Amino acid sequence: MRHFWLFVHILSFTLWLGSAAAAMALGIAMKREARESLATATRLQASIYRSLIGPGALLATVSGLILTLQLYGTAMSTGGLPHGLMMMQGAGIIAALVALVVSVPTASKVTRLDPVADAIAFDALRKRMRIAGPIAGLLALVALLGGVLIR
């Protein structure tokens, strides 16, 4: 069963980070677009958040917690956890919380606004996404580094 959860963990983490990179690239490309066409691009970006980033972050967190609970029943649990594993767990959980609590809901909210008529609120929500997205992405990369450091 451990191999199944490892597969789910790696697949969902890859889905999460790959989709986040795509959303970031779309966000950068949106800077060159006219304000009138931002609504369509924002809907596409929100779709990436709702259908790929959110489920990827949730599945990576749940599968990571299951793997951690399975680890406590092994001989490794008596000698303490490796530092890389603790780094992966801490950074991964915080990254998932930022993605699930800030980024995904903000992406959904921004799609309900008209970029021309509600320009101030639209820009404020996009700014929140520009701040939260890189924070979650950086923490996810730290978690990935922690996973690589596990011996």
N, C-alpha and C. Protein backbone atom coordinates (compact mmCIF):
# COMPACT_ATOMS: atom_id res chain seq x y z
N MET A 1 0.82 -1.20 0.00
CA MET A 1 0.00 0.00 0.00
C MET A 1 0.87 1.27 0.00
N ARG A 2 2.06 1.15 0.58
CA ARG A 2 2.96 2.29 0.63
C ARG A 2 3.32 2.78 -0.77
N HIS A 3 3.53 1.85 -1.69
CA HIS A 3 3.89 2.23 -3.05
C HIS A 3 2.75 2.99 -3.74
N PHE A 4 1.53 2.59 -3.45
CA PHE A 4 0.38 3.31 -4.02
C PHE A 4 0.38 4.75 -3.54
N TRP A 5 0.57 4.95 -2.22
CA TRP A 5 0.53 6.31 -1.68
C TRP A 5 1.73 7.13 -2.14
N LEU A 6 2.88 6.49 -2.32
CA LEU A 6 4.02 7.20 -2.89
C LEU A 6 3.72 7.66 -4.32
N PHE A 7 3.08 6.78 -5.10
CA PHE A 7 2.70 7.14 -6.46
C PHE A 7 1.73 8.33 -6.45
N VAL A 8 0.71 8.26 -5.60
CA VAL A 8 -0.27 9.35 -5.50
C VAL A 8 0.42 10.64 -5.07
N HIS A 9 1.34 10.53 -4.12
CA HIS A 9 2.03 11.72 -3.61
C HIS A 9 2.87 12.38 -4.70
N ILE A 10 3.65 11.59 -5.40
CA ILE A 10 4.51 12.15 -6.45
C ILE A 10 3.69 12.66 -7.62
N LEU A 11 2.64 11.93 -8.01
CA LEU A 11 1.79 12.38 -9.10
C LEU A 11 1.09 13.69 -8.75
N SER A 12 0.52 13.77 -7.57
CA SER A 12 -0.21 14.99 -7.19
C SER A 12 0.73 16.17 -7.00
N PHE A 13 1.91 15.93 -6.47
CA PHE A 13 2.88 17.01 -6.30
C PHE A 13 3.33 17.54 -7.66
N THR A 14 3.55 16.61 -8.61
CA THR A 14 3.92 17.01 -9.96
C THR A 14 2.80 17.80 -10.62
N LEU A 15 1.58 17.33 -10.45
CA LEU A 15 0.41 18.03 -10.98
C LEU A 15 0.31 19.43 -10.40
N TRP A 16 0.51 19.54 -9.11
CA TRP A 16 0.43 20.82 -8.41
C TRP A 16 1.49 21.80 -8.93
N LEU A 17 2.76 21.39 -8.92
CA LEU A 17 3.82 22.31 -9.33
C LEU A 17 3.79 22.61 -10.83
N GLY A 18 3.49 21.62 -11.64
CA GLY A 18 3.41 21.86 -13.08
C GLY A 18 2.29 22.82 -13.44
N SER A 19 1.16 22.64 -12.80
CA SER A 19 0.03 23.53 -13.04
C SER A 19 0.30 24.93 -12.52
N ALA A 20 0.99 25.02 -11.40
CA ALA A 20 1.34 26.33 -10.86
C ALA A 20 2.28 27.06 -11.81
N ALA A 21 3.19 26.33 -12.43
CA ALA A 21 4.08 26.95 -13.41
C ALA A 21 3.29 27.44 -14.62
N ALA A 22 2.31 26.66 -15.05
CA ALA A 22 1.47 27.08 -16.17
C ALA A 22 0.64 28.31 -15.81
N ALA A 23 0.09 28.35 -14.61
CA ALA A 23 -0.68 29.51 -14.17
C ALA A 23 0.20 30.75 -14.06
N MET A 24 1.43 30.56 -13.61
CA MET A 24 2.36 31.67 -13.52
C MET A 24 2.71 32.20 -14.92
N ALA A 25 2.95 31.29 -15.85
CA ALA A 25 3.26 31.71 -17.22
C ALA A 25 2.08 32.45 -17.84
N LEU A 26 0.87 31.98 -17.56
CA LEU A 26 -0.32 32.67 -18.07
C LEU A 26 -0.45 34.05 -17.43
N GLY A 27 -0.15 34.14 -16.14
CA GLY A 27 -0.21 35.44 -15.46
C GLY A 27 0.79 36.43 -16.02
N ILE A 28 1.98 35.95 -16.37
CA ILE A 28 2.98 36.83 -16.97
C ILE A 28 2.53 37.27 -18.36
N ALA A 29 1.95 36.36 -19.12
CA ALA A 29 1.46 36.71 -20.45
C ALA A 29 0.28 37.69 -20.39
N MET A 30 -0.48 37.64 -19.30
CA MET A 30 -1.63 38.54 -19.15
C MET A 30 -1.20 40.00 -19.00
N LYS A 31 0.03 40.24 -18.60
CA LYS A 31 0.51 41.62 -18.45
C LYS A 31 0.52 42.36 -19.78
N ARG A 32 0.68 41.62 -20.87
CA ARG A 32 0.76 42.25 -22.20
C ARG A 32 -0.61 42.40 -22.86
N GLU A 33 -1.64 41.86 -22.25
CA GLU A 33 -2.97 41.89 -22.85
C GLU A 33 -3.70 43.17 -22.49
N ALA A 34 -4.64 43.53 -23.35
CA ALA A 34 -5.50 44.68 -23.08
C ALA A 34 -6.43 44.34 -21.92
N ARG A 35 -6.81 45.34 -21.16
CA ARG A 35 -7.66 45.12 -19.99
C ARG A 35 -8.97 44.44 -20.36
N GLU A 36 -9.49 44.71 -21.54
CA GLU A 36 -10.77 44.12 -21.95
C GLU A 36 -10.67 42.60 -22.12
N SER A 37 -9.51 42.10 -22.46
CA SER A 37 -9.36 40.66 -22.68
C SER A 37 -8.88 39.91 -21.44
N LEU A 38 -8.70 40.60 -20.33
CA LEU A 38 -8.23 39.95 -19.12
C LEU A 38 -9.26 39.01 -18.50
N ALA A 39 -10.53 39.26 -18.76
CA ALA A 39 -11.57 38.40 -18.18
C ALA A 39 -11.43 36.96 -18.68
N THR A 40 -11.20 36.79 -19.95
CA THR A 40 -11.04 35.44 -20.51
C THR A 40 -9.80 34.77 -19.96
N ALA A 41 -8.69 35.48 -19.93
CA ALA A 41 -7.44 34.91 -19.42
C ALA A 41 -7.56 34.57 -17.94
N THR A 42 -8.28 35.40 -17.19
CA THR A 42 -8.47 35.15 -15.77
C THR A 42 -9.32 33.91 -15.55
N ARG A 43 -10.35 33.72 -16.37
CA ARG A 43 -11.16 32.50 -16.27
C ARG A 43 -10.33 31.26 -16.55
N LEU A 44 -9.42 31.34 -17.53
CA LEU A 44 -8.54 30.22 -17.83
C LEU A 44 -7.60 29.94 -16.65
N GLN A 45 -7.06 30.98 -16.08
CA GLN A 45 -6.16 30.82 -14.95
C GLN A 45 -6.91 30.24 -13.74
N ALA A 46 -8.10 30.72 -13.49
CA ALA A 46 -8.90 30.20 -12.38
C ALA A 46 -9.26 28.74 -12.60
N SER A 47 -9.49 28.37 -13.83
CA SER A 47 -9.77 26.97 -14.15
C SER A 47 -8.57 26.09 -13.80
N ILE A 48 -7.37 26.57 -14.09
CA ILE A 48 -6.15 25.83 -13.72
C ILE A 48 -6.06 25.68 -12.21
N TYR A 49 -6.37 26.75 -11.49
CA TYR A 49 -6.33 26.69 -10.03
C TYR A 49 -7.35 25.71 -9.47
N ARG A 50 -8.59 25.79 -9.96
CA ARG A 50 -9.65 24.94 -9.42
C ARG A 50 -9.51 23.47 -9.80
N SER A 51 -9.11 23.20 -11.03
CA SER A 51 -9.12 21.81 -11.49
C SER A 51 -7.78 21.09 -11.34
N LEU A 52 -6.68 21.81 -11.20
CA LEU A 52 -5.37 21.17 -11.13
C LEU A 52 -4.58 21.52 -9.87
N ILE A 53 -4.42 22.79 -9.58
CA ILE A 53 -3.60 23.19 -8.44
C ILE A 53 -4.26 22.79 -7.12
N GLY A 54 -5.52 23.12 -6.96
CA GLY A 54 -6.23 22.78 -5.72
C GLY A 54 -6.25 21.28 -5.44
N PRO A 55 -6.74 20.47 -6.39
CA PRO A 55 -6.72 19.02 -6.14
C PRO A 55 -5.31 18.45 -5.97
N GLY A 56 -4.35 18.98 -6.72
CA GLY A 56 -2.97 18.51 -6.58
C GLY A 56 -2.42 18.79 -5.19
N ALA A 57 -2.65 20.00 -4.69
CA ALA A 57 -2.17 20.36 -3.35
C ALA A 57 -2.87 19.53 -2.28
N LEU A 58 -4.17 19.33 -2.45
CA LEU A 58 -4.93 18.55 -1.47
C LEU A 58 -4.48 17.10 -1.45
N LEU A 59 -4.35 16.50 -2.63
CA LEU A 59 -3.92 15.10 -2.69
C LEU A 59 -2.48 14.92 -2.19
N ALA A 60 -1.61 15.85 -2.51
CA ALA A 60 -0.23 15.76 -2.02
C ALA A 60 -0.19 15.82 -0.50
N THR A 61 -1.01 16.68 0.08
CA THR A 61 -1.04 16.81 1.53
C THR A 61 -1.63 15.57 2.19
N VAL A 62 -2.74 15.09 1.68
CA VAL A 62 -3.38 13.91 2.26
C VAL A 62 -2.49 12.68 2.12
N SER A 63 -1.93 12.48 0.94
CA SER A 63 -1.06 11.31 0.76
C SER A 63 0.20 11.44 1.61
N GLY A 64 0.72 12.65 1.77
CA GLY A 64 1.88 12.86 2.63
C GLY A 64 1.56 12.56 4.08
N LEU A 65 0.39 12.95 4.53
CA LEU A 65 -0.02 12.64 5.91
C LEU A 65 -0.18 11.14 6.10
N ILE A 66 -0.76 10.47 5.12
CA ILE A 66 -0.92 9.01 5.20
C ILE A 66 0.45 8.33 5.24
N LEU A 67 1.36 8.78 4.39
CA LEU A 67 2.71 8.21 4.40
C LEU A 67 3.42 8.46 5.73
N THR A 68 3.20 9.64 6.32
CA THR A 68 3.79 9.94 7.61
C THR A 68 3.23 9.03 8.69
N LEU A 69 1.93 8.82 8.68
CA LEU A 69 1.32 7.93 9.67
C LEU A 69 1.81 6.50 9.50
N GLN A 70 2.02 6.07 8.27
CA GLN A 70 2.57 4.73 8.04
C GLN A 70 4.01 4.65 8.54
N LEU A 71 4.73 5.74 8.46
CA LEU A 71 6.13 5.76 8.88
C LEU A 71 6.27 5.57 10.38
N TYR A 72 5.29 6.05 11.16
CA TYR A 72 5.37 5.94 12.61
C TYR A 72 5.29 4.49 13.08
N GLY A 73 4.83 3.59 12.23
CA GLY A 73 4.78 2.18 12.60
C GLY A 73 6.02 1.41 12.22
N THR A 74 7.04 2.10 11.69
CA THR A 74 8.26 1.42 11.24
C THR A 74 9.40 1.65 12.22
N ALA A 75 10.52 0.98 11.94
CA ALA A 75 11.71 1.13 12.80
C ALA A 75 12.28 2.54 12.74
N MET A 76 12.03 3.28 11.64
CA MET A 76 12.56 4.63 11.49
C MET A 76 11.99 5.57 12.54
N SER A 77 10.78 5.28 13.02
CA SER A 77 10.13 6.20 13.95
C SER A 77 10.83 6.23 15.31
N THR A 78 11.56 5.17 15.66
CA THR A 78 12.23 5.17 16.96
C THR A 78 13.50 6.01 16.95
N GLY A 79 14.16 6.12 15.82
CA GLY A 79 15.40 6.88 15.75
C GLY A 79 15.22 8.34 15.40
N GLY A 80 14.01 8.80 15.26
CA GLY A 80 13.75 10.17 14.87
C GLY A 80 13.64 10.29 13.35
N LEU A 81 12.96 11.30 12.92
CA LEU A 81 12.74 11.49 11.49
C LEU A 81 13.91 12.24 10.87
N PRO A 82 14.26 11.92 9.63
CA PRO A 82 15.34 12.66 8.95
C PRO A 82 14.95 14.14 8.78
N HIS A 83 15.96 15.00 8.80
CA HIS A 83 15.71 16.44 8.68
C HIS A 83 15.05 16.78 7.35
N GLY A 84 15.45 16.10 6.28
CA GLY A 84 14.84 16.34 4.98
C GLY A 84 13.36 16.05 4.97
N LEU A 85 12.98 14.98 5.67
CA LEU A 85 11.56 14.62 5.75
C LEU A 85 10.77 15.68 6.53
N MET A 86 11.35 16.13 7.63
CA MET A 86 10.67 17.17 8.41
C MET A 86 10.55 18.47 7.61
N MET A 87 11.59 18.79 6.84
CA MET A 87 11.55 19.98 5.99
C MET A 87 10.46 19.83 4.93
N MET A 88 10.37 18.64 4.33
CA MET A 88 9.34 18.40 3.32
C MET A 88 7.95 18.51 3.93
N GLN A 89 7.75 17.93 5.09
CA GLN A 89 6.44 17.97 5.73
C GLN A 89 6.02 19.39 6.11
N GLY A 90 6.92 20.12 6.76
CA GLY A 90 6.59 21.48 7.20
C GLY A 90 6.33 22.42 6.05
N ALA A 91 7.26 22.47 5.10
CA ALA A 91 7.10 23.38 3.97
C ALA A 91 5.92 22.97 3.09
N GLY A 92 5.72 21.66 2.94
CA GLY A 92 4.61 21.19 2.10
C GLY A 92 3.25 21.53 2.67
N ILE A 93 3.10 21.37 3.97
CA ILE A 93 1.81 21.68 4.59
C ILE A 93 1.52 23.18 4.52
N ILE A 94 2.53 24.00 4.79
CA ILE A 94 2.33 25.46 4.72
C ILE A 94 2.03 25.88 3.27
N ALA A 95 2.76 25.32 2.32
CA ALA A 95 2.52 25.64 0.90
C ALA A 95 1.10 25.25 0.49
N ALA A 96 0.67 24.08 0.92
CA ALA A 96 -0.69 23.64 0.58
C ALA A 96 -1.74 24.54 1.22
N LEU A 97 -1.51 24.95 2.44
CA LEU A 97 -2.46 25.86 3.10
C LEU A 97 -2.55 27.19 2.35
N VAL A 98 -1.41 27.74 1.96
CA VAL A 98 -1.43 29.00 1.21
C VAL A 98 -2.17 28.80 -0.11
N ALA A 99 -1.89 27.71 -0.80
CA ALA A 99 -2.54 27.45 -2.09
C ALA A 99 -4.04 27.24 -1.91
N LEU A 100 -4.43 26.44 -0.92
CA LEU A 100 -5.85 26.09 -0.76
C LEU A 100 -6.68 27.16 -0.07
N VAL A 101 -6.06 27.94 0.81
CA VAL A 101 -6.81 28.93 1.57
C VAL A 101 -6.77 30.32 0.93
N VAL A 102 -5.68 30.62 0.22
CA VAL A 102 -5.56 31.96 -0.37
C VAL A 102 -5.68 31.92 -1.90
N SER A 103 -4.83 31.15 -2.56
CA SER A 103 -4.74 31.23 -4.02
C SER A 103 -5.98 30.73 -4.75
N VAL A 104 -6.46 29.54 -4.40
CA VAL A 104 -7.62 28.97 -5.12
C VAL A 104 -8.87 29.82 -4.91
N PRO A 105 -9.23 30.21 -3.67
CA PRO A 105 -10.41 31.06 -3.51
C PRO A 105 -10.27 32.43 -4.19
N THR A 106 -9.07 33.00 -4.16
CA THR A 106 -8.85 34.30 -4.80
C THR A 106 -9.02 34.18 -6.30
N ALA A 107 -8.52 33.09 -6.88
CA ALA A 107 -8.67 32.88 -8.32
C ALA A 107 -10.15 32.77 -8.69
N SER A 108 -10.94 32.15 -7.83
CA SER A 108 -12.38 32.05 -8.11
C SER A 108 -13.07 33.40 -7.96
N LYS A 109 -12.66 34.18 -6.96
CA LYS A 109 -13.28 35.50 -6.75
C LYS A 109 -13.00 36.46 -7.89
N VAL A 110 -11.78 36.43 -8.40
CA VAL A 110 -11.40 37.40 -9.43
C VAL A 110 -12.17 37.17 -10.72
N THR A 111 -12.64 35.96 -10.96
CA THR A 111 -13.39 35.69 -12.19
C THR A 111 -14.78 36.32 -12.16
N ARG A 112 -15.27 36.65 -10.98
CA ARG A 112 -16.60 37.26 -10.87
C ARG A 112 -16.59 38.76 -11.10
N LEU A 113 -15.41 39.32 -11.28
CA LEU A 113 -15.29 40.76 -11.46
C LEU A 113 -15.02 41.10 -12.92
N ASP A 114 -15.50 42.25 -13.32
CA ASP A 114 -15.21 42.76 -14.65
C ASP A 114 -13.91 43.57 -14.57
N PRO A 115 -12.91 43.21 -15.39
CA PRO A 115 -11.63 43.91 -15.28
C PRO A 115 -11.68 45.39 -15.63
N VAL A 116 -12.71 45.83 -16.35
CA VAL A 116 -12.82 47.24 -16.72
C VAL A 116 -13.69 47.99 -15.71
N ALA A 117 -14.87 47.47 -15.43
CA ALA A 117 -15.81 48.15 -14.54
C ALA A 117 -15.36 48.08 -13.07
N ASP A 118 -14.81 46.95 -12.65
CA ASP A 118 -14.35 46.76 -11.28
C ASP A 118 -12.82 46.72 -11.21
N ALA A 119 -12.19 47.67 -11.86
CA ALA A 119 -10.73 47.63 -12.04
C ALA A 119 -9.97 47.62 -10.71
N ILE A 120 -10.42 48.37 -9.72
CA ILE A 120 -9.68 48.46 -8.46
C ILE A 120 -9.74 47.12 -7.71
N ALA A 121 -10.92 46.56 -7.57
CA ALA A 121 -11.06 45.27 -6.89
C ALA A 121 -10.38 44.15 -7.68
N PHE A 122 -10.51 44.19 -9.00
CA PHE A 122 -9.88 43.20 -9.87
C PHE A 122 -8.37 43.22 -9.69
N ASP A 123 -7.78 44.41 -9.72
CA ASP A 123 -6.33 44.54 -9.56
C ASP A 123 -5.87 44.13 -8.16
N ALA A 124 -6.69 44.41 -7.14
CA ALA A 124 -6.32 44.02 -5.77
C ALA A 124 -6.29 42.50 -5.63
N LEU A 125 -7.27 41.83 -6.20
CA LEU A 125 -7.29 40.36 -6.13
C LEU A 125 -6.15 39.75 -6.95
N ARG A 126 -5.87 40.35 -8.09
CA ARG A 126 -4.74 39.85 -8.90
C ARG A 126 -3.42 40.05 -8.16
N LYS A 127 -3.30 41.16 -7.43
CA LYS A 127 -2.09 41.40 -6.65
C LYS A 127 -1.96 40.35 -5.55
N ARG A 128 -3.07 39.99 -4.92
CA ARG A 128 -3.05 38.95 -3.89
C ARG A 128 -2.58 37.62 -4.49
N MET A 129 -3.04 37.33 -5.71
CA MET A 129 -2.60 36.10 -6.39
C MET A 129 -1.11 36.16 -6.73
N ARG A 130 -0.65 37.35 -7.14
CA ARG A 130 0.79 37.51 -7.46
C ARG A 130 1.68 37.36 -6.24
N ILE A 131 1.14 37.61 -5.06
CA ILE A 131 1.92 37.45 -3.82
C ILE A 131 1.82 36.02 -3.30
N ALA A 132 0.60 35.49 -3.22
CA ALA A 132 0.40 34.17 -2.64
C ALA A 132 0.94 33.05 -3.52
N GLY A 133 0.82 33.18 -4.83
CA GLY A 133 1.29 32.14 -5.73
C GLY A 133 2.77 31.84 -5.60
N PRO A 134 3.63 32.85 -5.69
CA PRO A 134 5.07 32.59 -5.52
C PRO A 134 5.44 32.09 -4.12
N ILE A 135 4.72 32.55 -3.09
CA ILE A 135 5.01 32.05 -1.74
C ILE A 135 4.72 30.56 -1.67
N ALA A 136 3.54 30.15 -2.16
CA ALA A 136 3.20 28.73 -2.16
C ALA A 136 4.17 27.94 -3.05
N GLY A 137 4.53 28.51 -4.19
CA GLY A 137 5.45 27.82 -5.09
C GLY A 137 6.83 27.66 -4.48
N LEU A 138 7.33 28.70 -3.83
CA LEU A 138 8.65 28.63 -3.20
C LEU A 138 8.65 27.60 -2.07
N LEU A 139 7.61 27.60 -1.25
CA LEU A 139 7.53 26.62 -0.18
C LEU A 139 7.40 25.20 -0.74
N ALA A 140 6.68 25.05 -1.84
CA ALA A 140 6.58 23.73 -2.46
C ALA A 140 7.93 23.28 -3.00
N LEU A 141 8.71 24.19 -3.53
CA LEU A 141 10.05 23.84 -3.99
C LEU A 141 10.97 23.48 -2.80
N VAL A 142 10.80 24.16 -1.68
CA VAL A 142 11.55 23.80 -0.47
C VAL A 142 11.15 22.39 -0.03
N ALA A 143 9.86 22.08 -0.11
CA ALA A 143 9.40 20.73 0.23
C ALA A 143 10.02 19.70 -0.72
N LEU A 144 10.07 20.04 -1.99
CA LEU A 144 10.70 19.14 -2.96
C LEU A 144 12.17 18.93 -2.63
N LEU A 145 12.87 19.99 -2.27
CA LEU A 145 14.27 19.88 -1.87
C LEU A 145 14.40 18.99 -0.64
N GLY A 146 13.50 19.15 0.31
CA GLY A 146 13.52 18.29 1.50
C GLY A 146 13.31 16.83 1.13
N GLY A 147 12.43 16.57 0.18
CA GLY A 147 12.21 15.21 -0.27
C GLY A 147 13.44 14.61 -0.93
N VAL A 148 14.18 15.43 -1.63
CA VAL A 148 15.41 14.96 -2.28
C VAL A 148 16.49 14.66 -1.23
N LEU A 149 16.48 15.39 -0.12
CA LEU A 149 17.50 15.22 0.91
C LEU A 149 17.26 14.04 1.83
N ILE A 150 16.11 13.38 1.71
CA ILE A 150 15.81 12.21 2.55
C ILE A 150 16.76 11.08 2.18
N ARG A 151 17.34 10.48 3.18
CA ARG A 151 18.26 9.36 2.90
C ARG A 151 17.65 8.06 3.28
